[in-house]
Amino acid sequence: MIENEKPQNDAPDDQPGAQEPADGDGETVEPINETINEPTHEPTAEERLAEINDQLLRSLAELENTRRRAARDRSEALKFGAMGFARDMLGVVDNLQRALKAMQDLGDDIPDATRNVLDGVAATERDLLAALARHKVTPLSPLGEKFDPNLHEALFEAPGTGQDSGTIIEIVETGYMMEERLLRPAKVGIAKD
């Protein structure tokens, strides 16, 4: 080999990764690729203070929102926490009303002992309805009103009733509200042209 010639290399001399001979012993050394760290912008004290202030304000706003949400949830839980229980008691009211209706259908020809049982059932019904009313459970009495699918469930339509179409003509099962929420829709019959 001629002394002035460079050994041939696949990579061009000016590109990174080109191998250079080391001390003429035939070994090659890989160049180190160093990344140049560009100077980063160090935030000023005012910028850091503004960022911390922004974080603080956001945290305070989130805390206030959480407090309001918890207060609203607590209020609704106090207001409507007994909804499931009240809904279950509606079946008891229905059964008491059915018993009273069945006894009334017998007329006045019932023994005194049976009449006493009937009076006890009527008193139980009154007490249960009063207890429900204390907890703002109120019955829906839509007889003669227009049908509202948000409050009523139509079971049948009756033609030739002389009422306007969509007017409630019969209540099959009483509906109930608790405050402004529907516990159970009233099951009704409505007039049809």
C-alpha atoms as a PDB file:
ATOM      1  CA  MET A   1       0.000   0.000   0.000  1.00  0.00           C
ATOM      2  CA  ILE A   2       1.193   3.470  -0.788  1.00  0.00           C
ATOM      3  CA  GLU A   3       1.825   5.645   2.256  1.00  0.00           C
ATOM      4  CA  ASN A   4      -0.046   8.720   0.980  1.00  0.00           C
ATOM      5  CA  GLU A   5      -3.193   6.832   0.133  1.00  0.00           C
ATOM      6  CA  LYS A   6      -6.003   6.533   2.578  1.00  0.00           C
ATOM      7  CA  PRO A   7      -7.590   3.169   3.087  1.00  0.00           C
ATOM      8  CA  GLN A   8     -10.890   2.975   1.264  1.00  0.00           C
ATOM      9  CA  ASN A   9     -14.020   3.067   3.340  1.00  0.00           C
ATOM     10  CA  ASP A  10     -17.626   2.689   2.298  1.00  0.00           C
ATOM     11  CA  ALA A  11     -18.695   5.815   4.164  1.00  0.00           C
ATOM     12  CA  PRO A  12     -17.646   9.192   2.812  1.00  0.00           C
ATOM     13  CA  ASP A  13     -15.101  11.060   4.923  1.00  0.00           C
ATOM     14  CA  ASP A  14     -17.341  13.962   5.786  1.00  0.00           C
ATOM     15  CA  GLN A  15     -20.255  11.920   7.136  1.00  0.00           C
ATOM     16  CA  PRO A  16     -20.607  10.889  10.760  1.00  0.00           C
ATOM     17  CA  GLY A  17     -19.863   7.276  11.376  1.00  0.00           C
ATOM     18  CA  ALA A  18     -16.853   7.202   8.977  1.00  0.00           C
ATOM     19  CA  GLN A  19     -14.090   5.128  10.380  1.00  0.00           C
ATOM     20  CA  GLU A  20     -10.677   6.643  10.809  1.00  0.00           C
ATOM     21  CA  PRO A  21      -7.505   4.593  11.192  1.00  0.00           C
ATOM     22  CA  ALA A  22      -5.948   4.750  14.627  1.00  0.00           C
ATOM     23  CA  ASP A  23      -2.164   5.045  14.904  1.00  0.00           C
ATOM     24  CA  GLY A  24      -1.578   2.966  11.779  1.00  0.00           C
ATOM     25  CA  ASP A  25      -2.242  -0.332  13.544  1.00  0.00           C
ATOM     26  CA  GLY A  26      -5.270  -1.067  11.337  1.00  0.00           C
ATOM     27  CA  GLU A  27      -7.900  -0.744  14.054  1.00  0.00           C
ATOM     28  CA  THR A  28     -10.723   1.698  13.585  1.00  0.00           C
ATOM     29  CA  VAL A  29     -12.335   3.890  16.197  1.00  0.00           C
ATOM     30  CA  GLU A  30     -15.993   4.892  16.120  1.00  0.00           C
ATOM     31  CA  PRO A  31     -16.563   8.614  16.582  1.00  0.00           C
ATOM     32  CA  ILE A  32     -18.731   9.632  19.530  1.00  0.00           C
ATOM     33  CA  ASN A  33     -21.964  11.308  18.554  1.00  0.00           C
ATOM     34  CA  GLU A  34     -22.453  14.007  21.127  1.00  0.00           C
ATOM     35  CA  THR A  35     -25.707  15.865  21.267  1.00  0.00           C
ATOM     36  CA  ILE A  36     -25.372  19.513  21.754  1.00  0.00           C
ATOM     37  CA  ASN A  37     -27.568  20.679  24.578  1.00  0.00           C
ATOM     38  CA  GLU A  38     -29.210  23.879  23.622  1.00  0.00           C
ATOM     39  CA  PRO A  39     -29.547  26.289  26.479  1.00  0.00           C
ATOM     40  CA  THR A  40     -33.053  26.067  27.964  1.00  0.00           C
ATOM     41  CA  HIS A  41     -35.017  29.108  28.991  1.00  0.00           C
ATOM     42  CA  GLU A  42     -34.933  29.290  32.760  1.00  0.00           C
ATOM     43  CA  PRO A  43     -38.282  30.752  33.950  1.00  0.00           C
ATOM     44  CA  THR A  44     -38.037  33.972  35.843  1.00  0.00           C
ATOM     45  CA  ALA A  45     -39.332  34.325  39.369  1.00  0.00           C
ATOM     46  CA  GLU A  46     -42.372  36.232  38.090  1.00  0.00           C
ATOM     47  CA  GLU A  47     -43.191  33.456  35.576  1.00  0.00           C
ATOM     48  CA  ARG A  48     -42.873  30.784  38.258  1.00  0.00           C
ATOM     49  CA  LEU A  49     -45.042  32.842  40.614  1.00  0.00           C
ATOM     50  CA  ALA A  50     -47.689  33.299  37.906  1.00  0.00           C
ATOM     51  CA  GLU A  51     -47.677  29.538  37.177  1.00  0.00           C
ATOM     52  CA  ILE A  52     -47.998  28.635  40.868  1.00  0.00           C
ATOM     53  CA  ASN A  53     -50.759  31.216  41.304  1.00  0.00           C
ATOM     54  CA  ASP A  54     -52.627  29.722  38.326  1.00  0.00           C
ATOM     55  CA  GLN A  55     -52.295  26.216  39.796  1.00  0.00           C
ATOM     56  CA  LEU A  56     -53.540  27.481  43.155  1.00  0.00           C
ATOM     57  CA  LEU A  57     -56.581  29.159  41.613  1.00  0.00           C
ATOM     58  CA  ARG A  58     -57.422  26.025  39.633  1.00  0.00           C
ATOM     59  CA  SER A  59     -57.092  23.896  42.774  1.00  0.00           C
ATOM     60  CA  LEU A  60     -59.345  26.253  44.739  1.00  0.00           C
ATOM     61  CA  ALA A  61     -61.953  26.207  41.952  1.00  0.00           C
ATOM     62  CA  GLU A  62     -61.882  22.397  41.846  1.00  0.00           C
ATOM     63  CA  LEU A  63     -62.219  22.254  45.635  1.00  0.00           C
ATOM     64  CA  GLU A  64     -65.233  24.601  45.526  1.00  0.00           C
ATOM     65  CA  ASN A  65     -66.854  22.519  42.764  1.00  0.00           C
ATOM     66  CA  THR A  66     -66.308  19.348  44.783  1.00  0.00           C
ATOM     67  CA  ARG A  67     -67.815  20.986  47.885  1.00  0.00           C
ATOM     68  CA  ARG A  68     -70.914  22.115  45.918  1.00  0.00           C
ATOM     69  CA  ARG A  69     -71.317  18.682  44.319  1.00  0.00           C
ATOM     70  CA  ALA A  70     -71.083  16.983  47.728  1.00  0.00           C
ATOM     71  CA  ALA A  71     -73.649  19.388  49.224  1.00  0.00           C
ATOM     72  CA  ARG A  72     -76.042  18.774  46.320  1.00  0.00           C
ATOM     73  CA  ASP A  73     -75.593  14.984  46.582  1.00  0.00           C
ATOM     74  CA  ARG A  74     -76.195  15.120  50.343  1.00  0.00           C
ATOM     75  CA  SER A  75     -79.327  17.214  49.881  1.00  0.00           C
ATOM     76  CA  GLU A  76     -80.716  14.812  47.276  1.00  0.00           C
ATOM     77  CA  ALA A  77     -79.863  11.811  49.439  1.00  0.00           C
ATOM     78  CA  LEU A  78     -81.776  13.340  52.351  1.00  0.00           C
ATOM     79  CA  LYS A  79     -84.670  14.290  50.088  1.00  0.00           C
ATOM     80  CA  PHE A  80     -84.973  11.119  48.033  1.00  0.00           C
ATOM     81  CA  GLY A  81     -83.134   8.509  50.095  1.00  0.00           C
ATOM     82  CA  ALA A  82     -86.392   6.878  51.125  1.00  0.00           C
ATOM     83  CA  MET A  83     -87.679   6.516  47.558  1.00  0.00           C
ATOM     84  CA  GLY A  84     -87.098   2.770  47.434  1.00  0.00           C
ATOM     85  CA  PHE A  85     -88.834   2.250  50.760  1.00  0.00           C
ATOM     86  CA  ALA A  86     -91.735   4.509  49.769  1.00  0.00           C
ATOM     87  CA  ARG A  87     -92.103   2.652  46.463  1.00  0.00           C
ATOM     88  CA  ASP A  88     -92.294  -0.645  48.385  1.00  0.00           C
ATOM     89  CA  MET A  89     -94.964   0.770  50.714  1.00  0.00           C
ATOM     90  CA  LEU A  90     -97.186   1.633  47.735  1.00  0.00           C
ATOM     91  CA  GLY A  91     -97.909  -2.078  47.306  1.00  0.00           C
ATOM     92  CA  VAL A  92     -99.105  -2.201  50.921  1.00  0.00           C
ATOM     93  CA  VAL A  93    -101.391   0.789  50.300  1.00  0.00           C
ATOM     94  CA  ASP A  94    -102.792  -0.922  47.202  1.00  0.00           C
ATOM     95  CA  ASN A  95    -103.537  -4.122  49.121  1.00  0.00           C
ATOM     96  CA  LEU A  96    -105.266  -2.222  51.922  1.00  0.00           C
ATOM     97  CA  GLN A  97    -107.395  -0.362  49.379  1.00  0.00           C
ATOM     98  CA  ARG A  98    -108.312  -3.624  47.618  1.00  0.00           C
ATOM     99  CA  ALA A  99    -109.339  -5.161  50.953  1.00  0.00           C
ATOM    100  CA  LEU A 100    -111.522  -2.147  51.770  1.00  0.00           C
ATOM    101  CA  LYS A 101    -113.151  -2.218  48.322  1.00  0.00           C
ATOM    102  CA  ALA A 102    -113.841  -5.943  48.575  1.00  0.00           C
ATOM    103  CA  MET A 103    -115.454  -5.465  51.987  1.00  0.00           C
ATOM    104  CA  GLN A 104    -117.536  -2.518  50.784  1.00  0.00           C
ATOM    105  CA  ASP A 105    -118.805  -4.614  47.868  1.00  0.00           C
ATOM    106  CA  LEU A 106    -120.344  -6.991  50.421  1.00  0.00           C
ATOM    107  CA  GLY A 107    -122.697  -4.238  51.545  1.00  0.00           C
ATOM    108  CA  ASP A 108    -124.192  -3.817  55.003  1.00  0.00           C
ATOM    109  CA  ASP A 109    -124.898  -7.507  55.553  1.00  0.00           C
ATOM    110  CA  ILE A 110    -121.641  -8.242  57.354  1.00  0.00           C
ATOM    111  CA  PRO A 111    -121.194  -9.361  60.947  1.00  0.00           C
ATOM    112  CA  ASP A 112    -119.939  -6.952  63.603  1.00  0.00           C
ATOM    113  CA  ALA A 113    -116.620  -8.810  63.953  1.00  0.00           C
ATOM    114  CA  THR A 114    -115.990  -8.393  60.224  1.00  0.00           C
ATOM    115  CA  ARG A 115    -116.977  -4.720  60.407  1.00  0.00           C
ATOM    116  CA  ASN A 116    -114.405  -4.248  63.201  1.00  0.00           C
ATOM    117  CA  VAL A 117    -111.722  -5.814  60.992  1.00  0.00           C
ATOM    118  CA  LEU A 118    -112.818  -3.504  58.187  1.00  0.00           C
ATOM    119  CA  ASP A 119    -112.504  -0.478  60.496  1.00  0.00           C
ATOM    120  CA  GLY A 120    -109.003  -1.613  61.524  1.00  0.00           C
ATOM    121  CA  VAL A 121    -107.937  -1.974  57.868  1.00  0.00           C
ATOM    122  CA  ALA A 122    -109.327   1.508  57.112  1.00  0.00           C
ATOM    123  CA  ALA A 123    -107.424   2.974  60.080  1.00  0.00           C
ATOM    124  CA  THR A 124    -104.219   1.255  58.944  1.00  0.00           C
ATOM    125  CA  GLU A 125    -104.662   2.664  55.449  1.00  0.00           C
ATOM    126  CA  ARG A 126    -105.206   6.189  56.813  1.00  0.00           C
ATOM    127  CA  ASP A 127    -102.103   5.949  59.031  1.00  0.00           C
ATOM    128  CA  LEU A 128     -99.951   4.641  56.197  1.00  0.00           C
ATOM    129  CA  LEU A 129    -101.125   7.396  53.815  1.00  0.00           C
ATOM    130  CA  ALA A 130    -100.484  10.017  56.528  1.00  0.00           C
ATOM    131  CA  ALA A 131     -96.965   8.656  57.112  1.00  0.00           C
ATOM    132  CA  LEU A 132     -96.273   8.772  53.368  1.00  0.00           C
ATOM    133  CA  ALA A 133     -97.635  12.337  53.197  1.00  0.00           C
ATOM    134  CA  ARG A 134     -95.266  13.412  55.998  1.00  0.00           C
ATOM    135  CA  HIS A 135     -92.445  12.289  53.718  1.00  0.00           C
ATOM    136  CA  LYS A 136     -93.945  14.259  50.815  1.00  0.00           C
ATOM    137  CA  VAL A 137     -95.380  11.251  49.004  1.00  0.00           C
ATOM    138  CA  THR A 138     -98.616  12.390  47.371  1.00  0.00           C
ATOM    139  CA  PRO A 139    -101.129  10.491  45.242  1.00  0.00           C
ATOM    140  CA  LEU A 140    -101.884  11.476  41.660  1.00  0.00           C
ATOM    141  CA  SER A 141    -105.592  11.971  41.005  1.00  0.00           C
ATOM    142  CA  PRO A 142    -105.758  12.674  37.283  1.00  0.00           C
ATOM    143  CA  LEU A 143    -109.442  11.845  36.708  1.00  0.00           C
ATOM    144  CA  GLY A 144    -110.802  14.235  34.067  1.00  0.00           C
ATOM    145  CA  GLU A 145    -107.324  15.583  33.185  1.00  0.00           C
ATOM    146  CA  LYS A 146    -105.492  15.212  29.892  1.00  0.00           C
ATOM    147  CA  PHE A 147    -103.263  12.156  29.573  1.00  0.00           C
ATOM    148  CA  ASP A 148     -99.579  12.932  30.282  1.00  0.00           C
ATOM    149  CA  PRO A 149     -97.190  10.080  29.388  1.00  0.00           C
ATOM    150  CA  ASN A 150     -94.686  11.425  31.935  1.00  0.00           C
ATOM    151  CA  LEU A 151     -97.149  10.851  34.782  1.00  0.00           C
ATOM    152  CA  HIS A 152     -99.651   8.294  33.510  1.00  0.00           C
ATOM    153  CA  GLU A 153     -99.652   4.845  31.965  1.00  0.00           C
ATOM    154  CA  ALA A 154    -102.572   4.174  29.609  1.00  0.00           C
ATOM    155  CA  LEU A 155    -104.032   0.690  30.029  1.00  0.00           C
ATOM    156  CA  PHE A 156    -106.961   1.067  27.653  1.00  0.00           C
ATOM    157  CA  GLU A 157    -108.850   3.487  25.414  1.00  0.00           C
ATOM    158  CA  ALA A 158    -112.632   3.671  25.539  1.00  0.00           C
ATOM    159  CA  PRO A 159    -114.584   5.011  22.545  1.00  0.00           C
ATOM    160  CA  GLY A 160    -117.940   6.750  22.847  1.00  0.00           C
ATOM    161  CA  THR A 161    -117.512   8.169  26.338  1.00  0.00           C
ATOM    162  CA  GLY A 162    -118.564  11.701  25.449  1.00  0.00           C
ATOM    163  CA  GLN A 163    -115.185  13.003  26.662  1.00  0.00           C
ATOM    164  CA  ASP A 164    -112.504  14.668  24.569  1.00  0.00           C
ATOM    165  CA  SER A 165    -109.930  12.293  23.140  1.00  0.00           C
ATOM    166  CA  GLY A 166    -107.028  11.762  25.567  1.00  0.00           C
ATOM    167  CA  THR A 167    -109.044  12.625  28.699  1.00  0.00           C
ATOM    168  CA  ILE A 168    -108.560  10.263  31.638  1.00  0.00           C
ATOM    169  CA  ILE A 169    -111.881   8.562  32.381  1.00  0.00           C
ATOM    170  CA  GLU A 170    -110.820   5.891  34.899  1.00  0.00           C
ATOM    171  CA  ILE A 171    -107.985   5.336  37.368  1.00  0.00           C
ATOM    172  CA  VAL A 172    -107.092   1.658  37.569  1.00  0.00           C
ATOM    173  CA  GLU A 173    -104.130   2.133  39.937  1.00  0.00           C
ATOM    174  CA  THR A 174    -103.228   5.332  41.774  1.00  0.00           C
ATOM    175  CA  GLY A 175     -99.916   6.971  40.901  1.00  0.00           C
ATOM    176  CA  TYR A 176     -97.658   8.690  43.430  1.00  0.00           C
ATOM    177  CA  MET A 177     -95.111  11.515  43.453  1.00  0.00           C
ATOM    178  CA  MET A 178     -92.337  12.145  45.975  1.00  0.00           C
ATOM    179  CA  GLU A 179     -91.608  15.863  45.943  1.00  0.00           C
ATOM    180  CA  GLU A 180     -91.163  16.514  42.215  1.00  0.00           C
ATOM    181  CA  ARG A 181     -90.151  12.953  41.288  1.00  0.00           C
ATOM    182  CA  LEU A 182     -92.497  10.278  40.041  1.00  0.00           C
ATOM    183  CA  LEU A 183     -92.614   7.206  42.278  1.00  0.00           C
ATOM    184  CA  ARG A 184     -95.148   5.330  40.216  1.00  0.00           C
ATOM    185  CA  PRO A 185     -97.239   6.398  37.230  1.00  0.00           C
ATOM    186  CA  ALA A 186    -101.007   6.313  37.532  1.00  0.00           C
ATOM    187  CA  LYS A 187    -102.476   3.465  35.482  1.00  0.00           C
ATOM    188  CA  VAL A 188    -105.455   4.922  33.676  1.00  0.00           C
ATOM    189  CA  GLY A 189    -108.073   4.458  30.998  1.00  0.00           C
ATOM    190  CA  ILE A 190    -108.499   7.252  28.479  1.00  0.00           C
ATOM    191  CA  ALA A 191    -111.260   8.419  26.200  1.00  0.00           C
ATOM    192  CA  LYS A 192    -111.025   7.846  22.470  1.00  0.00           C
ATOM    193  CA  ASP A 193    -113.011   9.698  19.778  1.00  0.00           C
END
